[in-house]
Amino acid sequence: MTQDMQGMNMAVRGGLNGQAPRCDHLDMVPAAEPGLPECEKCLASGLSWERLLVCLTCGWVACSDDSSGGHAQEHYRETDHPVVSALEPETAWRWCYVHGRTV
């Protein structure tokens, strides 16, 4: 048995060759266009960011957890939009806040 970030029980589904279970949240995200390449909340607060993430549900762009603001995670807590991607177009990295892992 595993638990998500809120401590709720989740069914364990095995993947091939020990891979992590598939994240069904990827099936729920539309093809949202990213906003401007800036974190509006950091700009308003005079903060800088390490990396920008884009919400795959609505396109909101915000700073990553390793930035001083952590506004992408704040956006998840406010909206329950589960999956973000790095804003850089050459990367396929995605993070699911519900599962707390890359997907």
N, C-alpha and C. Protein backbone atom coordinates (compact mmCIF):
# COMPACT_ATOMS: atom_id res chain seq x y z
N MET A 1 0.85 -1.18 0.00
CA MET A 1 0.00 0.00 0.00
C MET A 1 0.89 1.23 0.00
N THR A 2 0.52 2.25 -0.77
CA THR A 2 1.23 3.52 -0.78
C THR A 2 0.27 4.61 -0.40
N GLN A 3 0.82 5.79 -0.10
CA GLN A 3 0.00 6.93 0.25
C GLN A 3 0.39 8.11 -0.62
N ASP A 4 -0.60 8.96 -0.92
CA ASP A 4 -0.29 10.17 -1.66
C ASP A 4 0.16 11.25 -0.68
N MET A 5 0.35 12.47 -1.17
CA MET A 5 0.87 13.55 -0.33
C MET A 5 -0.07 13.92 0.82
N GLN A 6 -1.34 13.64 0.66
CA GLN A 6 -2.29 13.95 1.73
C GLN A 6 -2.49 12.77 2.68
N GLY A 7 -1.74 11.69 2.50
CA GLY A 7 -1.85 10.54 3.37
C GLY A 7 -2.99 9.60 3.01
N MET A 8 -3.61 9.78 1.85
CA MET A 8 -4.72 8.92 1.44
C MET A 8 -4.15 7.64 0.83
N ASN A 9 -4.82 6.54 1.08
CA ASN A 9 -4.37 5.27 0.51
C ASN A 9 -4.62 5.24 -0.99
N MET A 10 -3.65 4.67 -1.70
CA MET A 10 -3.77 4.54 -3.15
C MET A 10 -3.51 3.09 -3.51
N ALA A 11 -4.20 2.62 -4.50
CA ALA A 11 -3.95 1.26 -4.98
C ALA A 11 -2.59 1.21 -5.65
N VAL A 12 -1.86 0.15 -5.43
CA VAL A 12 -0.55 0.00 -6.05
C VAL A 12 -0.72 -0.79 -7.33
N ARG A 13 -0.27 -0.20 -8.44
CA ARG A 13 -0.30 -0.87 -9.72
C ARG A 13 1.13 -0.94 -10.21
N GLY A 14 1.61 -2.11 -10.45
CA GLY A 14 2.98 -2.27 -10.89
C GLY A 14 3.18 -1.89 -12.32
N GLY A 15 4.37 -1.41 -12.61
CA GLY A 15 4.76 -1.11 -13.97
C GLY A 15 5.72 -2.18 -14.45
N LEU A 16 6.15 -2.06 -15.69
CA LEU A 16 7.09 -3.00 -16.25
C LEU A 16 8.46 -2.84 -15.63
N ASN A 17 9.13 -3.94 -15.37
CA ASN A 17 10.51 -3.92 -14.89
C ASN A 17 10.73 -3.01 -13.70
N GLY A 18 9.80 -2.99 -12.77
CA GLY A 18 9.94 -2.19 -11.56
C GLY A 18 9.69 -0.71 -11.73
N GLN A 19 9.13 -0.30 -12.84
CA GLN A 19 8.84 1.11 -13.05
C GLN A 19 7.73 1.55 -12.09
N ALA A 20 7.68 2.84 -11.84
CA ALA A 20 6.63 3.40 -11.00
C ALA A 20 5.29 3.24 -11.70
N PRO A 21 4.20 3.15 -10.93
CA PRO A 21 2.87 3.06 -11.55
C PRO A 21 2.60 4.27 -12.45
N ARG A 22 1.81 4.07 -13.47
CA ARG A 22 1.45 5.15 -14.39
C ARG A 22 0.65 6.21 -13.64
N CYS A 23 0.88 7.44 -13.99
CA CYS A 23 0.15 8.55 -13.37
C CYS A 23 -1.06 8.89 -14.25
N ASP A 24 -2.24 8.61 -13.76
CA ASP A 24 -3.47 8.89 -14.52
C ASP A 24 -3.76 10.38 -14.65
N HIS A 25 -3.08 11.21 -13.85
CA HIS A 25 -3.30 12.65 -13.94
C HIS A 25 -2.86 13.20 -15.29
N LEU A 26 -1.93 12.52 -15.95
CA LEU A 26 -1.50 12.96 -17.27
C LEU A 26 -2.63 12.89 -18.28
N ASP A 27 -3.56 11.95 -18.08
CA ASP A 27 -4.70 11.81 -19.00
C ASP A 27 -5.72 12.93 -18.82
N MET A 28 -5.66 13.64 -17.69
CA MET A 28 -6.67 14.65 -17.38
C MET A 28 -6.24 16.06 -17.77
N VAL A 29 -4.98 16.24 -18.20
CA VAL A 29 -4.53 17.60 -18.50
C VAL A 29 -4.75 17.92 -19.98
N PRO A 30 -5.36 19.07 -20.24
CA PRO A 30 -5.54 19.49 -21.64
C PRO A 30 -4.21 20.01 -22.18
N ALA A 31 -4.17 20.34 -23.41
CA ALA A 31 -2.97 20.91 -24.03
C ALA A 31 -3.00 22.42 -23.82
N ALA A 32 -2.62 22.87 -22.63
CA ALA A 32 -2.65 24.29 -22.30
C ALA A 32 -1.41 24.99 -22.84
N GLU A 33 -1.59 26.17 -23.36
CA GLU A 33 -0.48 26.99 -23.84
C GLU A 33 0.13 27.72 -22.64
N PRO A 34 1.45 27.70 -22.51
CA PRO A 34 2.08 28.38 -21.37
C PRO A 34 1.94 29.89 -21.47
N GLY A 35 1.90 30.52 -20.31
CA GLY A 35 1.86 31.97 -20.25
C GLY A 35 3.24 32.55 -20.51
N LEU A 36 3.43 33.79 -20.12
CA LEU A 36 4.72 34.46 -20.30
C LEU A 36 5.80 33.76 -19.49
N PRO A 37 7.04 33.79 -19.96
CA PRO A 37 8.13 33.09 -19.25
C PRO A 37 8.64 33.89 -18.05
N GLU A 38 7.77 34.02 -17.07
CA GLU A 38 8.11 34.75 -15.84
C GLU A 38 7.18 34.31 -14.73
N CYS A 39 7.64 34.46 -13.51
CA CYS A 39 6.78 34.18 -12.35
C CYS A 39 6.22 35.52 -11.87
N GLU A 40 4.95 35.74 -12.12
CA GLU A 40 4.32 37.02 -11.78
C GLU A 40 4.42 37.31 -10.29
N LYS A 41 4.26 36.28 -9.45
CA LYS A 41 4.30 36.50 -8.00
C LYS A 41 5.70 36.87 -7.54
N CYS A 42 6.73 36.28 -8.14
CA CYS A 42 8.11 36.66 -7.81
C CYS A 42 8.38 38.10 -8.24
N LEU A 43 7.94 38.46 -9.43
CA LEU A 43 8.14 39.83 -9.91
C LEU A 43 7.46 40.83 -8.98
N ALA A 44 6.26 40.52 -8.53
CA ALA A 44 5.53 41.42 -7.63
C ALA A 44 6.20 41.54 -6.27
N SER A 45 6.91 40.47 -5.85
CA SER A 45 7.55 40.46 -4.53
C SER A 45 9.03 40.83 -4.59
N GLY A 46 9.56 41.05 -5.79
CA GLY A 46 10.97 41.36 -5.93
C GLY A 46 11.88 40.17 -5.73
N LEU A 47 11.37 38.96 -5.95
CA LEU A 47 12.15 37.74 -5.80
C LEU A 47 12.68 37.28 -7.16
N SER A 48 13.69 36.45 -7.14
CA SER A 48 14.17 35.83 -8.37
C SER A 48 13.84 34.35 -8.32
N TRP A 49 13.97 33.67 -9.44
CA TRP A 49 13.64 32.25 -9.48
C TRP A 49 14.80 31.46 -10.05
N GLU A 50 14.83 30.16 -9.70
CA GLU A 50 15.83 29.23 -10.22
C GLU A 50 15.38 28.65 -11.56
N ARG A 51 14.13 28.24 -11.58
CA ARG A 51 13.58 27.57 -12.77
C ARG A 51 12.09 27.86 -12.82
N LEU A 52 11.55 27.91 -14.03
CA LEU A 52 10.12 28.14 -14.20
C LEU A 52 9.42 26.85 -14.60
N LEU A 53 8.22 26.67 -14.07
CA LEU A 53 7.39 25.52 -14.38
C LEU A 53 6.08 26.02 -14.96
N VAL A 54 5.48 25.19 -15.81
CA VAL A 54 4.19 25.55 -16.39
C VAL A 54 3.16 24.50 -15.97
N CYS A 55 2.00 24.97 -15.54
CA CYS A 55 0.90 24.09 -15.18
C CYS A 55 0.32 23.52 -16.47
N LEU A 56 0.25 22.21 -16.56
CA LEU A 56 -0.26 21.59 -17.79
C LEU A 56 -1.78 21.64 -17.90
N THR A 57 -2.46 22.03 -16.82
CA THR A 57 -3.91 22.17 -16.87
C THR A 57 -4.33 23.52 -17.43
N CYS A 58 -3.68 24.59 -16.96
CA CYS A 58 -4.14 25.93 -17.34
C CYS A 58 -3.07 26.81 -17.99
N GLY A 59 -1.80 26.39 -17.98
CA GLY A 59 -0.75 27.17 -18.60
C GLY A 59 -0.09 28.19 -17.69
N TRP A 60 -0.50 28.26 -16.42
CA TRP A 60 0.09 29.22 -15.48
C TRP A 60 1.58 28.93 -15.32
N VAL A 61 2.40 29.96 -15.40
CA VAL A 61 3.85 29.83 -15.24
C VAL A 61 4.23 30.37 -13.87
N ALA A 62 5.02 29.60 -13.14
CA ALA A 62 5.44 30.00 -11.80
C ALA A 62 6.80 29.38 -11.48
N CYS A 63 7.43 29.88 -10.44
CA CYS A 63 8.75 29.40 -10.06
C CYS A 63 8.67 28.02 -9.41
N SER A 64 9.76 27.29 -9.52
CA SER A 64 9.84 25.92 -9.01
C SER A 64 10.04 25.91 -7.49
N ASP A 65 9.97 24.71 -6.92
CA ASP A 65 10.14 24.55 -5.47
C ASP A 65 11.53 24.93 -5.01
N ASP A 66 12.54 24.83 -5.87
CA ASP A 66 13.89 25.20 -5.47
C ASP A 66 14.13 26.71 -5.57
N SER A 67 13.13 27.46 -5.96
CA SER A 67 13.19 28.92 -5.95
C SER A 67 12.68 29.41 -4.60
N SER A 68 13.00 30.64 -4.26
CA SER A 68 12.61 31.15 -2.94
C SER A 68 11.10 31.26 -2.77
N GLY A 69 10.36 31.48 -3.87
CA GLY A 69 8.91 31.62 -3.76
C GLY A 69 8.15 30.31 -3.75
N GLY A 70 8.58 29.33 -4.53
CA GLY A 70 7.86 28.06 -4.63
C GLY A 70 6.43 28.24 -5.11
N HIS A 71 6.22 29.15 -6.04
CA HIS A 71 4.87 29.50 -6.44
C HIS A 71 4.15 28.45 -7.29
N ALA A 72 4.88 27.55 -7.95
CA ALA A 72 4.20 26.49 -8.70
C ALA A 72 3.46 25.56 -7.75
N GLN A 73 4.11 25.21 -6.64
CA GLN A 73 3.43 24.36 -5.66
C GLN A 73 2.27 25.10 -5.00
N GLU A 74 2.43 26.37 -4.77
CA GLU A 74 1.34 27.18 -4.23
C GLU A 74 0.14 27.15 -5.18
N HIS A 75 0.42 27.24 -6.49
CA HIS A 75 -0.65 27.17 -7.50
C HIS A 75 -1.36 25.81 -7.41
N TYR A 76 -0.61 24.73 -7.25
CA TYR A 76 -1.23 23.41 -7.09
C TYR A 76 -2.15 23.39 -5.86
N ARG A 77 -1.67 23.90 -4.72
CA ARG A 77 -2.48 23.88 -3.49
C ARG A 77 -3.76 24.69 -3.66
N GLU A 78 -3.69 25.77 -4.44
CA GLU A 78 -4.87 26.62 -4.64
C GLU A 78 -5.86 26.04 -5.65
N THR A 79 -5.37 25.30 -6.64
CA THR A 79 -6.22 24.89 -7.76
C THR A 79 -6.43 23.39 -7.90
N ASP A 80 -5.58 22.59 -7.28
CA ASP A 80 -5.57 21.13 -7.46
C ASP A 80 -5.20 20.72 -8.88
N HIS A 81 -4.54 21.58 -9.64
CA HIS A 81 -4.02 21.20 -10.95
C HIS A 81 -2.77 20.36 -10.70
N PRO A 82 -2.79 19.08 -11.05
CA PRO A 82 -1.80 18.14 -10.53
C PRO A 82 -0.42 18.11 -11.20
N VAL A 83 -0.30 18.43 -12.49
CA VAL A 83 0.95 18.16 -13.20
C VAL A 83 1.55 19.45 -13.77
N VAL A 84 2.86 19.61 -13.55
CA VAL A 84 3.60 20.72 -14.13
C VAL A 84 4.72 20.16 -14.99
N SER A 85 5.24 21.02 -15.85
CA SER A 85 6.37 20.67 -16.71
C SER A 85 7.38 21.81 -16.62
N ALA A 86 8.64 21.49 -16.89
CA ALA A 86 9.63 22.55 -17.00
C ALA A 86 9.26 23.41 -18.20
N LEU A 87 9.48 24.69 -18.09
CA LEU A 87 9.09 25.59 -19.17
C LEU A 87 9.99 25.46 -20.40
N GLU A 88 11.22 24.99 -20.20
CA GLU A 88 12.13 24.84 -21.33
C GLU A 88 11.55 23.86 -22.34
N PRO A 89 11.46 24.24 -23.61
CA PRO A 89 10.82 23.38 -24.62
C PRO A 89 11.59 22.09 -24.91
N GLU A 90 12.88 22.05 -24.64
CA GLU A 90 13.67 20.86 -24.98
C GLU A 90 13.60 19.77 -23.91
N THR A 91 12.88 19.97 -22.84
CA THR A 91 12.81 18.96 -21.79
C THR A 91 11.45 18.28 -21.76
N ALA A 92 11.45 17.01 -21.40
CA ALA A 92 10.21 16.25 -21.26
C ALA A 92 9.87 16.02 -19.78
N TRP A 93 10.62 16.65 -18.87
CA TRP A 93 10.40 16.47 -17.43
C TRP A 93 9.02 16.98 -17.03
N ARG A 94 8.31 16.16 -16.25
CA ARG A 94 7.00 16.54 -15.70
C ARG A 94 6.93 16.06 -14.26
N TRP A 95 6.20 16.77 -13.44
CA TRP A 95 6.07 16.45 -12.02
C TRP A 95 4.60 16.40 -11.65
N CYS A 96 4.21 15.35 -10.95
CA CYS A 96 2.84 15.23 -10.44
C CYS A 96 2.87 15.55 -8.94
N TYR A 97 2.19 16.61 -8.54
CA TYR A 97 2.15 16.99 -7.12
C TYR A 97 1.35 15.98 -6.31
N VAL A 98 0.35 15.36 -6.88
CA VAL A 98 -0.45 14.38 -6.15
C VAL A 98 0.40 13.18 -5.76
N HIS A 99 1.15 12.65 -6.72
CA HIS A 99 1.99 11.48 -6.45
C HIS A 99 3.35 11.85 -5.87
N GLY A 100 3.76 13.10 -5.99
CA GLY A 100 5.04 13.54 -5.46
C GLY A 100 6.22 12.93 -6.19
N ARG A 101 6.11 12.82 -7.52
CA ARG A 101 7.19 12.21 -8.29
C ARG A 101 7.14 12.67 -9.75
N THR A 102 8.25 12.42 -10.46
CA THR A 102 8.26 12.71 -11.88
C THR A 102 7.39 11.70 -12.61
N VAL A 103 6.81 12.16 -13.69
CA VAL A 103 5.93 11.29 -14.48
C VAL A 103 6.25 11.43 -15.96
